[in-house]
Every structure is written in structure tokens, then in C-alpha cells.
């Protein structure tokens, strides 16, 4: 069942990932399956109007469409929307390096919001890249840009890497 995230952006389905598949396949294969529609996009993709558009080992790109549904009281897109898109790109850059039997989680992230995100500005794009992948810790960096390439925000993230059995209790 195709689900429209926003006009021009659709995914094959919405749901959570089966942990046994993540445990078996590792992050890159799972992310590629999400992108191809063999695995679902997360429910928040529909709620917040953003989705992954590219993936390779150590790098992902997300596209989103900020709208009036994401406004704060002053009429700009809430920083939480920007943070969620960026955390997704930062985390999935790490996830793309997770091997079978491993899982990950964000333990901290830092963002710099350098320009307002506004409804009506069109699609924005967030590229996340791995900086360092160790045995138990990984770091990533990301940039959120408008359709003309103008920087809107940038940030970094640290993720813990651990045995996926810790999630499968």
C-alpha cells in the first residue's frame, strides 16, 4: 500500500522494523530495503512529512516538506521538526554501518539552527555522514539545506552501538 508523505513523496508502507530482520541483515541492507519499499518507513515520516531518499554505507539523505502543520507560536517551523529530521539523518548514517547482530541508539546530539525554516520554502534536504565508527561508539554530522543549497542547520551526533538482543527482551 503506497502512502503519500507529501505531494511528490510516497513510501510503500508505514510501520516499525522487525528486529529479527535487523538482527539478521544489519543496517545498510535494512535501510536499502526501506528505500526500495520492501520494509516500511516509520510512522513519524507521515506525521512530520519527511523521508529517506538516498542511502549508502556511511551516508544518507532525507527530504522533507515543512508546512504550517509544523509551526511554532511565532510562525516559523518549530526547532523540534528540524531536530527530528536531523536526528534521523544523523542516526541513519550510523545505522548504515551497523552489522548483523548490532543495534544503535542516539546518546547525544547538538544542532545549530542558522536560518529559520519556513512553510512555503519547498523541500529541504538533510545529508548525514559518518565521522567515526568504533566498536561501541559512532559519531556523525549532518547539514540541512533548502532547495537552493542554502544552509539552514548543521549538527553532530553520538550513538551507542550494542548487541541487538538488548532490544529483543
C-alpha atoms as a PDB file:
ATOM      1  CA  UNK A   1       0.000   0.000   0.000  1.00  0.00           C
ATOM      2  CA  UNK A   2       1.559   3.286  -1.116  1.00  0.00           C
ATOM      3  CA  UNK A   3       1.388   6.110   1.440  1.00  0.00           C
ATOM      4  CA  UNK A   4       1.828   9.740   0.426  1.00  0.00           C
ATOM      5  CA  UNK A   5       4.175  11.524   2.841  1.00  0.00           C
ATOM      6  CA  UNK A   6       3.675  14.831   0.999  1.00  0.00           C
ATOM      7  CA  UNK A   7       2.951  15.707  -2.647  1.00  0.00           C
ATOM      8  CA  UNK A   8       5.636  14.056  -4.747  1.00  0.00           C
ATOM      9  CA  UNK A   9       6.935  11.874  -1.891  1.00  0.00           C
ATOM     10  CA  UNK A  10       5.433   8.442  -1.307  1.00  0.00           C
ATOM     11  CA  UNK A  11       6.593   5.327   0.529  1.00  0.00           C
ATOM     12  CA  UNK A  12       5.486   1.728   0.145  1.00  0.00           C
ATOM     13  CA  UNK A  13       4.181   1.467   3.698  1.00  0.00           C
ATOM     14  CA  UNK A  14       4.319   2.728   7.272  1.00  0.00           C
ATOM     15  CA  UNK A  15       5.364   0.711  10.319  1.00  0.00           C
ATOM     16  CA  UNK A  16       8.220  -0.350  12.532  1.00  0.00           C
ATOM     17  CA  UNK A  17      11.068  -2.619  11.575  1.00  0.00           C
ATOM     18  CA  UNK A  18      11.035  -6.298  12.512  1.00  0.00           C
ATOM     19  CA  UNK A  19      14.002  -6.626  14.880  1.00  0.00           C
ATOM     20  CA  UNK A  20      14.756 -10.161  13.709  1.00  0.00           C
ATOM     21  CA  UNK A  21      15.341  -8.767  10.197  1.00  0.00           C
ATOM     22  CA  UNK A  22      17.606  -6.007  11.543  1.00  0.00           C
ATOM     23  CA  UNK A  23      19.496  -8.612  13.601  1.00  0.00           C
ATOM     24  CA  UNK A  24      19.932 -10.831  10.551  1.00  0.00           C
ATOM     25  CA  UNK A  25      20.692  -8.216   7.883  1.00  0.00           C
ATOM     26  CA  UNK A  26      22.403  -5.246   9.550  1.00  0.00           C
ATOM     27  CA  UNK A  27      21.736  -1.567   8.983  1.00  0.00           C
ATOM     28  CA  UNK A  28      22.725  -0.926   5.374  1.00  0.00           C
ATOM     29  CA  UNK A  29      20.669  -3.803   3.967  1.00  0.00           C
ATOM     30  CA  UNK A  30      17.669  -2.756   6.110  1.00  0.00           C
ATOM     31  CA  UNK A  31      17.911   0.896   5.049  1.00  0.00           C
ATOM     32  CA  UNK A  32      18.128  -0.150   1.395  1.00  0.00           C
ATOM     33  CA  UNK A  33      15.045  -2.336   1.889  1.00  0.00           C
ATOM     34  CA  UNK A  34      13.218   0.645   3.410  1.00  0.00           C
ATOM     35  CA  UNK A  35      14.195   2.810   0.453  1.00  0.00           C
ATOM     36  CA  UNK A  36      13.062   0.175  -2.062  1.00  0.00           C
ATOM     37  CA  UNK A  37       9.732  -0.288  -0.239  1.00  0.00           C
ATOM     38  CA  UNK A  38      10.429  -3.831   0.961  1.00  0.00           C
ATOM     39  CA  UNK A  39      10.382  -2.559   4.557  1.00  0.00           C
ATOM     40  CA  UNK A  40       8.165   0.255   5.889  1.00  0.00           C
ATOM     41  CA  UNK A  41       9.016   3.865   6.615  1.00  0.00           C
ATOM     42  CA  UNK A  42       8.490   4.837  10.278  1.00  0.00           C
ATOM     43  CA  UNK A  43       5.126   6.320  11.321  1.00  0.00           C
ATOM     44  CA  UNK A  44       6.729   9.690  12.096  1.00  0.00           C
ATOM     45  CA  UNK A  45       7.624  10.081   8.403  1.00  0.00           C
ATOM     46  CA  UNK A  46       3.950  10.577   7.593  1.00  0.00           C
ATOM     47  CA  UNK A  47       3.280  12.739  10.670  1.00  0.00           C
ATOM     48  CA  UNK A  48       6.231  15.078  10.058  1.00  0.00           C
ATOM     49  CA  UNK A  49       6.371  14.932   6.234  1.00  0.00           C
ATOM     50  CA  UNK A  50       9.898  13.679   5.628  1.00  0.00           C
ATOM     51  CA  UNK A  51      11.521  10.529   4.283  1.00  0.00           C
ATOM     52  CA  UNK A  52      14.852   8.998   3.330  1.00  0.00           C
ATOM     53  CA  UNK A  53      15.761   9.432  -0.345  1.00  0.00           C
ATOM     54  CA  UNK A  54      19.332   8.073  -0.570  1.00  0.00           C
ATOM     55  CA  UNK A  55      21.469   5.594   1.344  1.00  0.00           C
ATOM     56  CA  UNK A  56      24.951   4.166   1.057  1.00  0.00           C
ATOM     57  CA  UNK A  57      27.346   2.971   3.720  1.00  0.00           C
ATOM     58  CA  UNK A  58      28.107   5.919   5.977  1.00  0.00           C
ATOM     59  CA  UNK A  59      25.792   8.378   4.191  1.00  0.00           C
ATOM     60  CA  UNK A  60      22.057   9.063   3.962  1.00  0.00           C
ATOM     61  CA  UNK A  61      19.877  11.855   2.621  1.00  0.00           C
ATOM     62  CA  UNK A  62      16.397  12.784   3.829  1.00  0.00           C
ATOM     63  CA  UNK A  63      13.936  15.154   2.145  1.00  0.00           C
ATOM     64  CA  UNK A  64      11.164  16.954   3.993  1.00  0.00           C
ATOM     65  CA  UNK A  65       8.432  19.465   3.350  1.00  0.00           C
ATOM     66  CA  UNK A  66       7.968  21.934   6.221  1.00  0.00           C
ATOM     67  CA  UNK A  67       4.400  23.219   6.405  1.00  0.00           C
ATOM     68  CA  UNK A  68       2.007  25.210   8.564  1.00  0.00           C
ATOM     69  CA  UNK A  69       1.373  21.979  10.491  1.00  0.00           C
ATOM     70  CA  UNK A  70       4.911  22.323  11.903  1.00  0.00           C
ATOM     71  CA  UNK A  71       4.742  25.955  13.079  1.00  0.00           C
ATOM     72  CA  UNK A  72       5.678  27.278  16.482  1.00  0.00           C
ATOM     73  CA  UNK A  73       3.690  30.181  18.025  1.00  0.00           C
ATOM     74  CA  UNK A  74       5.798  32.801  16.189  1.00  0.00           C
ATOM     75  CA  UNK A  75       5.092  31.354  12.745  1.00  0.00           C
ATOM     76  CA  UNK A  76       8.366  29.607  11.933  1.00  0.00           C
ATOM     77  CA  UNK A  77       8.811  25.855  11.726  1.00  0.00           C
ATOM     78  CA  UNK A  78       9.416  24.510  15.218  1.00  0.00           C
ATOM     79  CA  UNK A  79      13.011  23.578  16.001  1.00  0.00           C
ATOM     80  CA  UNK A  80      11.743  20.154  17.047  1.00  0.00           C
ATOM     81  CA  UNK A  81      10.800  19.423  13.433  1.00  0.00           C
ATOM     82  CA  UNK A  82      14.298  20.372  12.292  1.00  0.00           C
ATOM     83  CA  UNK A  83      15.825  18.350  15.125  1.00  0.00           C
ATOM     84  CA  UNK A  84      13.793  15.275  14.207  1.00  0.00           C
ATOM     85  CA  UNK A  85      14.780  15.395  10.535  1.00  0.00           C
ATOM     86  CA  UNK A  86      18.405  15.924  11.504  1.00  0.00           C
ATOM     87  CA  UNK A  87      18.416  13.209  14.199  1.00  0.00           C
ATOM     88  CA  UNK A  88      17.028  10.838  11.561  1.00  0.00           C
ATOM     89  CA  UNK A  89      19.831  11.617   9.099  1.00  0.00           C
ATOM     90  CA  UNK A  90      22.495  11.599  11.810  1.00  0.00           C
ATOM     91  CA  UNK A  91      21.263   8.316  13.282  1.00  0.00           C
ATOM     92  CA  UNK A  92      20.704   6.576   9.953  1.00  0.00           C
ATOM     93  CA  UNK A  93      24.247   7.461   8.850  1.00  0.00           C
ATOM     94  CA  UNK A  94      25.342   5.433  11.871  1.00  0.00           C
ATOM     95  CA  UNK A  95      22.678   2.757  11.256  1.00  0.00           C
ATOM     96  CA  UNK A  96      24.118   2.240   7.768  1.00  0.00           C
ATOM     97  CA  UNK A  97      27.311   0.926   9.439  1.00  0.00           C
ATOM     98  CA  UNK A  98      25.584  -1.377  11.952  1.00  0.00           C
ATOM     99  CA  UNK A  99      26.475  -5.028  11.332  1.00  0.00           C
ATOM    100  CA  UNK A 100      24.171  -8.036  11.744  1.00  0.00           C
ATOM    101  CA  UNK A 101      23.560  -8.641  15.453  1.00  0.00           C
ATOM    102  CA  UNK A 102      24.061  -4.974  16.362  1.00  0.00           C
ATOM    103  CA  UNK A 103      21.700  -2.098  17.169  1.00  0.00           C
ATOM    104  CA  UNK A 104      22.285   1.581  17.897  1.00  0.00           C
ATOM    105  CA  UNK A 105      20.732   4.485  19.732  1.00  0.00           C
ATOM    106  CA  UNK A 106      21.389   8.206  19.946  1.00  0.00           C
ATOM    107  CA  UNK A 107      23.095   9.232  23.176  1.00  0.00           C
ATOM    108  CA  UNK A 108      23.510  12.923  22.377  1.00  0.00           C
ATOM    109  CA  UNK A 109      23.172  15.379  19.552  1.00  0.00           C
ATOM    110  CA  UNK A 110      23.962  19.051  19.011  1.00  0.00           C
ATOM    111  CA  UNK A 111      22.340  21.259  16.426  1.00  0.00           C
ATOM    112  CA  UNK A 112      22.980  24.777  15.205  1.00  0.00           C
ATOM    113  CA  UNK A 113      19.899  26.367  13.642  1.00  0.00           C
ATOM    114  CA  UNK A 114      21.395  29.067  11.427  1.00  0.00           C
ATOM    115  CA  UNK A 115      18.336  30.221   9.447  1.00  0.00           C
ATOM    116  CA  UNK A 116      14.601  29.924  10.031  1.00  0.00           C
ATOM    117  CA  UNK A 117      12.769  27.071   8.364  1.00  0.00           C
ATOM    118  CA  UNK A 118       9.522  28.412   6.927  1.00  0.00           C
ATOM    119  CA  UNK A 119       6.395  26.885   5.463  1.00  0.00           C
ATOM    120  CA  UNK A 120       6.251  27.503   1.738  1.00  0.00           C
ATOM    121  CA  UNK A 121      10.025  27.318   1.266  1.00  0.00           C
ATOM    122  CA  UNK A 122       9.650  23.975  -0.509  1.00  0.00           C
ATOM    123  CA  UNK A 123      11.531  20.779   0.087  1.00  0.00           C
ATOM    124  CA  UNK A 124      14.536  20.770   2.365  1.00  0.00           C
ATOM    125  CA  UNK A 125      17.288  18.187   2.296  1.00  0.00           C
ATOM    126  CA  UNK A 126      19.370  16.748   5.110  1.00  0.00           C
ATOM    127  CA  UNK A 127      22.553  14.817   4.417  1.00  0.00           C
ATOM    128  CA  UNK A 128      24.068  12.782   7.230  1.00  0.00           C
ATOM    129  CA  UNK A 129      27.566  11.285   7.134  1.00  0.00           C
ATOM    130  CA  UNK A 130      29.515   9.056   9.457  1.00  0.00           C
ATOM    131  CA  UNK A 131      32.547  10.693  11.057  1.00  0.00           C
ATOM    132  CA  UNK A 132      33.812   7.798  13.190  1.00  0.00           C
ATOM    133  CA  UNK A 133      32.646   4.225  13.711  1.00  0.00           C
ATOM    134  CA  UNK A 134      34.198   2.391  16.630  1.00  0.00           C
ATOM    135  CA  UNK A 135      33.237  -0.837  18.371  1.00  0.00           C
ATOM    136  CA  UNK A 136      30.702   0.743  20.767  1.00  0.00           C
ATOM    137  CA  UNK A 137      30.505   4.447  19.787  1.00  0.00           C
ATOM    138  CA  UNK A 138      29.920   6.174  16.465  1.00  0.00           C
ATOM    139  CA  UNK A 139      29.708   9.854  15.539  1.00  0.00           C
ATOM    140  CA  UNK A 140      28.046  11.541  12.588  1.00  0.00           C
ATOM    141  CA  UNK A 141      27.463  15.000  11.155  1.00  0.00           C
ATOM    142  CA  UNK A 142      24.635  16.457   9.078  1.00  0.00           C
ATOM    143  CA  UNK A 143      23.565  19.560   7.169  1.00  0.00           C
ATOM    144  CA  UNK A 144      20.024  20.716   6.461  1.00  0.00           C
ATOM    145  CA  UNK A 145      19.723  22.835   3.293  1.00  0.00           C
ATOM    146  CA  UNK A 146      16.929  24.401   1.294  1.00  0.00           C
ATOM    147  CA  UNK A 147      16.306  23.553  -2.359  1.00  0.00           C
ATOM    148  CA  UNK A 148      18.883  26.135  -3.476  1.00  0.00           C
ATOM    149  CA  UNK A 149      21.570  24.675  -1.216  1.00  0.00           C
ATOM    150  CA  UNK A 150      21.408  27.395   1.448  1.00  0.00           C
ATOM    151  CA  UNK A 151      22.411  26.080   4.880  1.00  0.00           C
ATOM    152  CA  UNK A 152      19.562  26.064   7.413  1.00  0.00           C
ATOM    153  CA  UNK A 153      21.108  23.953  10.197  1.00  0.00           C
ATOM    154  CA  UNK A 154      24.050  21.680  10.934  1.00  0.00           C
ATOM    155  CA  UNK A 155      24.867  19.307  13.726  1.00  0.00           C
ATOM    156  CA  UNK A 156      26.633  16.288  15.152  1.00  0.00           C
ATOM    157  CA  UNK A 157      25.544  13.162  16.971  1.00  0.00           C
ATOM    158  CA  UNK A 158      26.999  10.400  19.102  1.00  0.00           C
ATOM    159  CA  UNK A 159      25.420   6.955  19.057  1.00  0.00           C
ATOM    160  CA  UNK A 160      25.983   3.871  21.173  1.00  0.00           C
ATOM    161  CA  UNK A 161      26.347   0.540  19.377  1.00  0.00           C
ATOM    162  CA  UNK A 162      25.294  -2.566  21.293  1.00  0.00           C
ATOM    163  CA  UNK A 163      24.044  -6.131  20.814  1.00  0.00           C
ATOM    164  CA  UNK A 164      20.535  -6.115  19.344  1.00  0.00           C
ATOM    165  CA  UNK A 165      19.482  -8.738  21.907  1.00  0.00           C
ATOM    166  CA  UNK A 166      19.257  -5.838  24.369  1.00  0.00           C
ATOM    167  CA  UNK A 167      16.171  -4.640  22.425  1.00  0.00           C
ATOM    168  CA  UNK A 168      14.639  -8.084  21.972  1.00  0.00           C
ATOM    169  CA  UNK A 169      13.660  -8.845  25.586  1.00  0.00           C
END
